């Protein structure tokens, strides 16, 4: 990833098309209000990039038979309930 660039809100509004071109080239752009960062423009993953989904773990995790059993008083106390 290339270095961050910071712009103010007014500059982001007037230069949005150019900022998007920079993002498409791999840059990240921070948008700040009164010098304080409030948002970041970042490139999206390339099309076809695999994303983690729930089925990835299907069959790999096993839970005890009592997984959804009510908690004991001692367990509730530990959790502050």
PDB file of N, CA and C in Angstrom:
ATOM      1  N   UNK A   1       0.851  -1.182   0.000  1.00  0.00           N
ATOM      2  CA  UNK A   1       0.000   0.000   0.000  1.00  0.00           C
ATOM      3  C   UNK A   1       0.891   1.238   0.000  1.00  0.00           C
ATOM      4  N   UNK A   2       0.480   2.228  -0.723  1.00  0.00           N
ATOM      5  CA  UNK A   2       1.247   3.467  -0.833  1.00  0.00           C
ATOM      6  C   UNK A   2       0.948   4.377   0.358  1.00  0.00           C
ATOM      7  N   UNK A   3       1.770   5.402   0.578  1.00  0.00           N
ATOM      8  CA  UNK A   3       1.594   6.278   1.744  1.00  0.00           C
ATOM      9  C   UNK A   3       0.233   6.977   1.770  1.00  0.00           C
ATOM     10  N   UNK A   4      -0.224   7.269   2.979  1.00  0.00           N
ATOM     11  CA  UNK A   4      -1.492   7.979   3.166  1.00  0.00           C
ATOM     12  C   UNK A   4      -1.360   9.437   2.752  1.00  0.00           C
ATOM     13  N   UNK A   5      -2.440   9.959   2.220  1.00  0.00           N
ATOM     14  CA  UNK A   5      -2.522  11.385   1.900  1.00  0.00           C
ATOM     15  C   UNK A   5      -3.721  11.920   2.661  1.00  0.00           C
ATOM     16  N   UNK A   6      -3.596  13.077   3.268  1.00  0.00           N
ATOM     17  CA  UNK A   6      -4.713  13.665   4.010  1.00  0.00           C
ATOM     18  C   UNK A   6      -5.184  14.931   3.313  1.00  0.00           C
ATOM     19  N   UNK A   7      -6.515  15.037   3.163  1.00  0.00           N
ATOM     20  CA  UNK A   7      -7.119  16.231   2.570  1.00  0.00           C
ATOM     21  C   UNK A   7      -8.248  16.689   3.484  1.00  0.00           C
ATOM     22  N   UNK A   8      -8.608  17.969   3.386  1.00  0.00           N
ATOM     23  CA  UNK A   8      -9.736  18.455   4.184  1.00  0.00           C
ATOM     24  C   UNK A   8     -11.042  18.189   3.427  1.00  0.00           C
ATOM     25  N   UNK A   9     -12.159  18.358   4.098  1.00  0.00           N
ATOM     26  CA  UNK A   9     -13.466  18.050   3.520  1.00  0.00           C
ATOM     27  C   UNK A   9     -13.712  18.861   2.251  1.00  0.00           C
ATOM     28  N   UNK A  10     -13.418  20.153   2.280  1.00  0.00           N
ATOM     29  CA  UNK A  10     -13.633  20.999   1.097  1.00  0.00           C
ATOM     30  C   UNK A  10     -12.817  20.490  -0.088  1.00  0.00           C
ATOM     31  N   UNK A  11     -11.561  20.178   0.158  1.00  0.00           N
ATOM     32  CA  UNK A  11     -10.694  19.668  -0.903  1.00  0.00           C
ATOM     33  C   UNK A  11     -11.221  18.328  -1.424  1.00  0.00           C
ATOM     34  N   UNK A  12     -11.710  17.468  -0.537  1.00  0.00           N
ATOM     35  CA  UNK A  12     -12.253  16.176  -0.959  1.00  0.00           C
ATOM     36  C   UNK A  12     -13.467  16.365  -1.862  1.00  0.00           C
ATOM     37  N   UNK A  13     -14.322  17.342  -1.518  1.00  0.00           N
ATOM     38  CA  UNK A  13     -15.514  17.590  -2.339  1.00  0.00           C
ATOM     39  C   UNK A  13     -15.137  18.114  -3.721  1.00  0.00           C
ATOM     40  N   UNK A  14     -14.180  19.021  -3.775  1.00  0.00           N
ATOM     41  CA  UNK A  14     -13.842  19.629  -5.061  1.00  0.00           C
ATOM     42  C   UNK A  14     -12.941  18.740  -5.917  1.00  0.00           C
ATOM     43  N   UNK A  15     -12.226  17.808  -5.299  1.00  0.00           N
ATOM     44  CA  UNK A  15     -11.278  16.968  -6.038  1.00  0.00           C
ATOM     45  C   UNK A  15     -11.633  15.483  -5.981  1.00  0.00           C
ATOM     46  N   UNK A  16     -12.892  15.159  -5.743  1.00  0.00           N
ATOM     47  CA  UNK A  16     -13.268  13.758  -5.542  1.00  0.00           C
ATOM     48  C   UNK A  16     -12.860  12.860  -6.708  1.00  0.00           C
ATOM     49  N   UNK A  17     -13.090  13.292  -7.927  1.00  0.00           N
ATOM     50  CA  UNK A  17     -12.737  12.457  -9.088  1.00  0.00           C
ATOM     51  C   UNK A  17     -11.246  12.130  -9.104  1.00  0.00           C
ATOM     52  N   UNK A  18     -10.419  13.122  -8.836  1.00  0.00           N
ATOM     53  CA  UNK A  18      -8.971  12.896  -8.822  1.00  0.00           C
ATOM     54  C   UNK A  18      -8.561  12.008  -7.656  1.00  0.00           C
ATOM     55  N   UNK A  19      -9.195  12.216  -6.507  1.00  0.00           N
ATOM     56  CA  UNK A  19      -8.891  11.378  -5.349  1.00  0.00           C
ATOM     57  C   UNK A  19      -9.249   9.921  -5.630  1.00  0.00           C
ATOM     58  N   UNK A  20     -10.379   9.702  -6.306  1.00  0.00           N
ATOM     59  CA  UNK A  20     -10.765   8.336  -6.653  1.00  0.00           C
ATOM     60  C   UNK A  20      -9.760   7.702  -7.613  1.00  0.00           C
ATOM     61  N   UNK A  21      -9.220   8.479  -8.526  1.00  0.00           N
ATOM     62  CA  UNK A  21      -8.168   7.956  -9.405  1.00  0.00           C
ATOM     63  C   UNK A  21      -6.950   7.530  -8.586  1.00  0.00           C
ATOM     64  N   UNK A  22      -6.573   8.347  -7.598  1.00  0.00           N
ATOM     65  CA  UNK A  22      -5.451   7.996  -6.721  1.00  0.00           C
ATOM     66  C   UNK A  22      -5.734   6.693  -5.979  1.00  0.00           C
ATOM     67  N   UNK A  23      -6.953   6.548  -5.489  1.00  0.00           N
ATOM     68  CA  UNK A  23      -7.330   5.334  -4.759  1.00  0.00           C
ATOM     69  C   UNK A  23      -7.270   4.124  -5.694  1.00  0.00           C
ATOM     70  N   UNK A  24      -7.739   4.288  -6.917  1.00  0.00           N
ATOM     71  CA  UNK A  24      -7.677   3.191  -7.895  1.00  0.00           C
ATOM     72  C   UNK A  24      -6.237   2.771  -8.180  1.00  0.00           C
ATOM     73  N   UNK A  25      -5.312   3.676  -7.990  1.00  0.00           N
ATOM     74  CA  UNK A  25      -3.888   3.374  -8.200  1.00  0.00           C
ATOM     75  C   UNK A  25      -3.232   2.797  -6.947  1.00  0.00           C
ATOM     76  N   UNK A  26      -4.019   2.582  -5.892  1.00  0.00           N
ATOM     77  CA  UNK A  26      -3.484   1.948  -4.693  1.00  0.00           C
ATOM     78  C   UNK A  26      -3.219   2.866  -3.523  1.00  0.00           C
ATOM     79  N   UNK A  27      -3.479   4.159  -3.679  1.00  0.00           N
ATOM     80  CA  UNK A  27      -3.262   5.095  -2.570  1.00  0.00           C
ATOM     81  C   UNK A  27      -4.451   5.058  -1.604  1.00  0.00           C
ATOM     82  N   UNK A  28      -4.201   5.409  -0.365  1.00  0.00           N
ATOM     83  CA  UNK A  28      -5.268   5.627   0.611  1.00  0.00           C
ATOM     84  C   UNK A  28      -5.333   7.119   0.883  1.00  0.00           C
ATOM     85  N   UNK A  29      -6.540   7.647   1.027  1.00  0.00           N
ATOM     86  CA  UNK A  29      -6.731   9.079   1.251  1.00  0.00           C
ATOM     87  C   UNK A  29      -7.547   9.268   2.523  1.00  0.00           C
ATOM     88  N   UNK A  30      -7.004  10.030   3.452  1.00  0.00           N
ATOM     89  CA  UNK A  30      -7.709  10.349   4.692  1.00  0.00           C
ATOM     90  C   UNK A  30      -8.398  11.693   4.508  1.00  0.00           C
ATOM     91  N   UNK A  31      -9.668  11.759   4.909  1.00  0.00           N
ATOM     92  CA  UNK A  31     -10.421  13.014   4.848  1.00  0.00           C
ATOM     93  C   UNK A  31     -10.538  13.538   6.274  1.00  0.00           C
ATOM     94  N   UNK A  32     -10.138  14.795   6.460  1.00  0.00           N
ATOM     95  CA  UNK A  32     -10.112  15.384   7.800  1.00  0.00           C
ATOM     96  C   UNK A  32     -11.019  16.602   7.875  1.00  0.00           C
ATOM     97  N   UNK A  33     -11.576  16.810   9.070  1.00  0.00           N
ATOM     98  CA  UNK A  33     -12.358  18.012   9.348  1.00  0.00           C
ATOM     99  C   UNK A  33     -11.616  18.764  10.447  1.00  0.00           C
ATOM    100  N   UNK A  34     -11.233  19.996  10.152  1.00  0.00           N
ATOM    101  CA  UNK A  34     -10.452  20.809  11.100  1.00  0.00           C
ATOM    102  C   UNK A  34      -9.188  20.085  11.556  1.00  0.00           C
ATOM    103  N   UNK A  35      -8.557  19.373  10.624  1.00  0.00           N
ATOM    104  CA  UNK A  35      -7.309  18.682  10.920  1.00  0.00           C
ATOM    105  C   UNK A  35      -7.450  17.325  11.577  1.00  0.00           C
ATOM    106  N   UNK A  36      -8.674  16.945  11.965  1.00  0.00           N
ATOM    107  CA  UNK A  36      -8.891  15.654  12.625  1.00  0.00           C
ATOM    108  C   UNK A  36      -9.427  14.640  11.611  1.00  0.00           C
ATOM    109  N   UNK A  37      -8.744  13.515  11.426  1.00  0.00           N
ATOM    110  CA  UNK A  37      -9.207  12.508  10.476  1.00  0.00           C
ATOM    111  C   UNK A  37     -10.600  11.995  10.838  1.00  0.00           C
ATOM    112  N   UNK A  38     -11.478  11.897   9.822  1.00  0.00           N
ATOM    113  CA  UNK A  38     -12.840  11.399  10.060  1.00  0.00           C
ATOM    114  C   UNK A  38     -13.219  10.258   9.122  1.00  0.00           C
ATOM    115  N   UNK A  39     -12.509  10.091   8.011  1.00  0.00           N
ATOM    116  CA  UNK A  39     -12.845   9.025   7.064  1.00  0.00           C
ATOM    117  C   UNK A  39     -11.608   8.684   6.243  1.00  0.00           C
ATOM    118  N   UNK A  40     -11.671   7.503   5.610  1.00  0.00           N
ATOM    119  CA  UNK A  40     -10.557   7.090   4.765  1.00  0.00           C
ATOM    120  C   UNK A  40     -11.097   6.454   3.491  1.00  0.00           C
ATOM    121  N   UNK A  41     -10.591   6.879   2.342  1.00  0.00           N
ATOM    122  CA  UNK A  41     -10.897   6.245   1.063  1.00  0.00           C
ATOM    123  C   UNK A  41      -9.817   5.200   0.819  1.00  0.00           C
ATOM    124  N   UNK A  42     -10.238   3.958   0.600  1.00  0.00           N
ATOM    125  CA  UNK A  42      -9.285   2.871   0.365  1.00  0.00           C
ATOM    126  C   UNK A  42      -9.731   2.064  -0.846  1.00  0.00           C
ATOM    127  N   UNK A  43      -8.788   1.438  -1.547  1.00  0.00           N
ATOM    128  CA  UNK A  43      -9.170   0.608  -2.683  1.00  0.00           C
ATOM    129  C   UNK A  43      -9.949  -0.622  -2.215  1.00  0.00           C
ATOM    130  N   UNK A  44     -10.908  -1.037  -3.019  1.00  0.00           N
ATOM    131  CA  UNK A  44     -11.619  -2.281  -2.751  1.00  0.00           C
ATOM    132  C   UNK A  44     -10.755  -3.447  -3.209  1.00  0.00           C
ATOM    133  N   UNK A  45     -10.977  -4.647  -2.629  1.00  0.00           N
ATOM    134  CA  UNK A  45     -10.225  -5.814  -3.104  1.00  0.00           C
ATOM    135  C   UNK A  45     -10.525  -6.059  -4.582  1.00  0.00           C
ATOM    136  N   UNK A  46      -9.566  -6.612  -5.274  1.00  0.00           N
ATOM    137  CA  UNK A  46      -9.754  -6.907  -6.697  1.00  0.00           C
ATOM    138  C   UNK A  46     -10.909  -7.883  -6.883  1.00  0.00           C
ATOM    139  N   UNK A  47     -11.608  -7.761  -7.996  1.00  0.00           N
ATOM    140  CA  UNK A  47     -12.715  -8.669  -8.298  1.00  0.00           C
ATOM    141  C   UNK A  47     -12.191 -10.099  -8.287  1.00  0.00           C
ATOM    142  N   UNK A  48     -12.987 -10.988  -7.730  1.00  0.00           N
ATOM    143  CA  UNK A  48     -12.584 -12.384  -7.664  1.00  0.00           C
ATOM    144  C   UNK A  48     -11.793 -12.726  -6.416  1.00  0.00           C
ATOM    145  N   UNK A  49     -11.469 -11.730  -5.598  1.00  0.00           N
ATOM    146  CA  UNK A  49     -10.766 -11.998  -4.352  1.00  0.00           C
ATOM    147  C   UNK A  49     -11.692 -12.773  -3.433  1.00  0.00           C
ATOM    148  N   UNK A  50     -11.189 -13.869  -2.899  1.00  0.00           N
ATOM    149  CA  UNK A  50     -12.017 -14.686  -2.017  1.00  0.00           C
ATOM    150  C   UNK A  50     -12.173 -14.002  -0.670  1.00  0.00           C
ATOM    151  N   UNK A  51     -13.377 -14.071  -0.147  1.00  0.00           N
ATOM    152  CA  UNK A  51     -13.663 -13.501   1.163  1.00  0.00           C
ATOM    153  C   UNK A  51     -14.018 -14.633   2.105  1.00  0.00           C
ATOM    154  N   UNK A  52     -13.679 -14.476   3.361  1.00  0.00           N
ATOM    155  CA  UNK A  52     -14.006 -15.468   4.371  1.00  0.00           C
ATOM    156  C   UNK A  52     -15.514 -15.540   4.539  1.00  0.00           C
ATOM    157  N   UNK A  53     -16.041 -16.728   4.535  1.00  0.00           N
ATOM    158  CA  UNK A  53     -17.468 -16.884   4.764  1.00  0.00           C
ATOM    159  C   UNK A  53     -17.681 -17.966   5.814  1.00  0.00           C
ATOM    160  N   UNK A  54     -18.862 -18.031   6.346  1.00  0.00           N
ATOM    161  CA  UNK A  54     -19.178 -18.949   7.437  1.00  0.00           C
ATOM    162  C   UNK A  54     -18.889 -20.392   7.048  1.00  0.00           C
ATOM    163  N   UNK A  55     -19.222 -20.787   5.835  1.00  0.00           N
ATOM    164  CA  UNK A  55     -19.025 -22.178   5.426  1.00  0.00           C
ATOM    165  C   UNK A  55     -17.562 -22.599   5.408  1.00  0.00           C
ATOM    166  N   UNK A  56     -16.645 -21.654   5.455  1.00  0.00           N
ATOM    167  CA  UNK A  56     -15.227 -21.986   5.483  1.00  0.00           C
ATOM    168  C   UNK A  56     -14.909 -22.881   6.674  1.00  0.00           C
ATOM    169  N   UNK A  57     -15.597 -22.689   7.787  1.00  0.00           N
ATOM    170  CA  UNK A  57     -15.321 -23.434   9.013  1.00  0.00           C
ATOM    171  C   UNK A  57     -16.236 -24.637   9.196  1.00  0.00           C
ATOM    172  N   UNK A  58     -17.152 -24.867   8.252  1.00  0.00           N
ATOM    173  CA  UNK A  58     -18.092 -25.977   8.372  1.00  0.00           C
ATOM    174  C   UNK A  58     -17.320 -27.299   8.468  1.00  0.00           C
ATOM    175  N   UNK A  59     -17.647 -28.079   9.502  1.00  0.00           N
ATOM    176  CA  UNK A  59     -16.998 -29.366   9.702  1.00  0.00           C
ATOM    177  C   UNK A  59     -15.663 -29.293  10.406  1.00  0.00           C
ATOM    178  N   UNK A  60     -15.166 -28.101  10.694  1.00  0.00           N
ATOM    179  CA  UNK A  60     -13.867 -27.946  11.349  1.00  0.00           C
ATOM    180  C   UNK A  60     -13.989 -27.613  12.831  1.00  0.00           C
ATOM    181  N   UNK A  61     -15.157 -27.193  13.243  1.00  0.00           N
ATOM    182  CA  UNK A  61     -15.364 -26.803  14.638  1.00  0.00           C
ATOM    183  C   UNK A  61     -16.377 -27.750  15.255  1.00  0.00           C
ATOM    184  N   UNK A  62     -16.040 -28.233  16.430  1.00  0.00           N
ATOM    185  CA  UNK A  62     -16.971 -29.104  17.143  1.00  0.00           C
ATOM    186  C   UNK A  62     -17.333 -28.442  18.459  1.00  0.00           C
ATOM    187  N   UNK A  63     -18.608 -28.523  18.815  1.00  0.00           N
ATOM    188  CA  UNK A  63     -19.077 -27.938  20.069  1.00  0.00           C
ATOM    189  C   UNK A  63     -19.570 -29.049  20.978  1.00  0.00           C
ATOM    190  N   UNK A  64     -19.409 -28.829  22.265  1.00  0.00           N
ATOM    191  CA  UNK A  64     -19.883 -29.803  23.239  1.00  0.00           C
ATOM    192  C   UNK A  64     -21.397 -29.933  23.201  1.00  0.00           C
ATOM    193  N   UNK A  65     -21.867 -31.084  23.672  1.00  0.00           N
ATOM    194  CA  UNK A  65     -23.315 -31.350  23.701  1.00  0.00           C
ATOM    195  C   UNK A  65     -24.053 -30.301  24.536  1.00  0.00           C
ATOM    196  N   UNK A  66     -23.353 -29.746  25.537  1.00  0.00           N
ATOM    197  CA  UNK A  66     -23.992 -28.788  26.446  1.00  0.00           C
ATOM    198  C   UNK A  66     -23.749 -27.333  26.026  1.00  0.00           C
ATOM    199  N   UNK A  67     -23.372 -27.114  24.776  1.00  0.00           N
ATOM    200  CA  UNK A  67     -23.039 -25.775  24.296  1.00  0.00           C
ATOM    201  C   UNK A  67     -24.116 -24.744  24.618  1.00  0.00           C
ATOM    202  N   UNK A  68     -25.370 -25.107  24.406  1.00  0.00           N
ATOM    203  CA  UNK A  68     -26.450 -24.139  24.619  1.00  0.00           C
ATOM    204  C   UNK A  68     -27.213 -24.375  25.921  1.00  0.00           C
ATOM    205  N   UNK A  69     -26.589 -25.115  26.837  1.00  0.00           N
ATOM    206  CA  UNK A  69     -27.217 -25.350  28.143  1.00  0.00           C
ATOM    207  C   UNK A  69     -27.190 -24.051  28.951  1.00  0.00           C
ATOM    208  N   UNK A  70     -28.164 -23.863  29.822  1.00  0.00           N
ATOM    209  CA  UNK A  70     -28.167 -22.663  30.668  1.00  0.00           C
ATOM    210  C   UNK A  70     -26.895 -22.584  31.514  1.00  0.00           C
ATOM    211  N   UNK A  71     -26.436 -21.379  31.757  1.00  0.00           N
ATOM    212  CA  UNK A  71     -25.256 -21.181  32.593  1.00  0.00           C
ATOM    213  C   UNK A  71     -25.590 -21.445  34.052  1.00  0.00           C
ATOM    214  N   UNK A  72     -24.588 -21.938  34.771  1.00  0.00           N
ATOM    215  CA  UNK A  72     -24.774 -22.148  36.205  1.00  0.00           C
ATOM    216  C   UNK A  72     -24.738 -20.796  36.908  1.00  0.00           C
ATOM    217  N   UNK A  73     -25.162 -20.781  38.168  1.00  0.00           N
ATOM    218  CA  UNK A  73     -25.104 -19.537  38.944  1.00  0.00           C
ATOM    219  C   UNK A  73     -23.671 -19.018  39.037  1.00  0.00           C
ATOM    220  N   UNK A  74     -22.706 -19.932  39.208  1.00  0.00           N
ATOM    221  CA  UNK A  74     -21.303 -19.527  39.307  1.00  0.00           C
ATOM    222  C   UNK A  74     -20.831 -18.892  37.994  1.00  0.00           C
ATOM    223  N   UNK A  75     -21.231 -19.475  36.857  1.00  0.00           N
ATOM    224  CA  UNK A  75     -20.844 -18.919  35.559  1.00  0.00           C
ATOM    225  C   UNK A  75     -21.483 -17.550  35.339  1.00  0.00           C
ATOM    226  N   UNK A  76     -22.746 -17.419  35.716  1.00  0.00           N
ATOM    227  CA  UNK A  76     -23.418 -16.124  35.591  1.00  0.00           C
ATOM    228  C   UNK A  76     -22.709 -15.064  36.427  1.00  0.00           C
ATOM    229  N   UNK A  77     -22.282 -15.462  37.621  1.00  0.00           N
ATOM    230  CA  UNK A  77     -21.581 -14.524  38.500  1.00  0.00           C
ATOM    231  C   UNK A  77     -20.249 -14.092  37.875  1.00  0.00           C
ATOM    232  N   UNK A  78     -19.534 -15.057  37.249  1.00  0.00           N
ATOM    233  CA  UNK A  78     -18.272 -14.729  36.587  1.00  0.00           C
ATOM    234  C   UNK A  78     -18.470 -13.712  35.468  1.00  0.00           C
ATOM    235  N   UNK A  79     -19.585 -13.813  34.753  1.00  0.00           N
ATOM    236  CA  UNK A  79     -19.878 -12.905  33.651  1.00  0.00           C
ATOM    237  C   UNK A  79     -20.513 -11.605  34.135  1.00  0.00           C
ATOM    238  N   UNK A  80     -20.761 -11.503  35.427  1.00  0.00           N
ATOM    239  CA  UNK A  80     -21.332 -10.281  35.975  1.00  0.00           C
ATOM    240  C   UNK A  80     -22.806 -10.117  35.685  1.00  0.00           C
ATOM    241  N   UNK A  81     -23.480 -11.231  35.434  1.00  0.00           N
ATOM    242  CA  UNK A  81     -24.917 -11.164  35.126  1.00  0.00           C
ATOM    243  C   UNK A  81     -25.750 -11.237  36.388  1.00  0.00           C
TER     244      UNK A  81
END
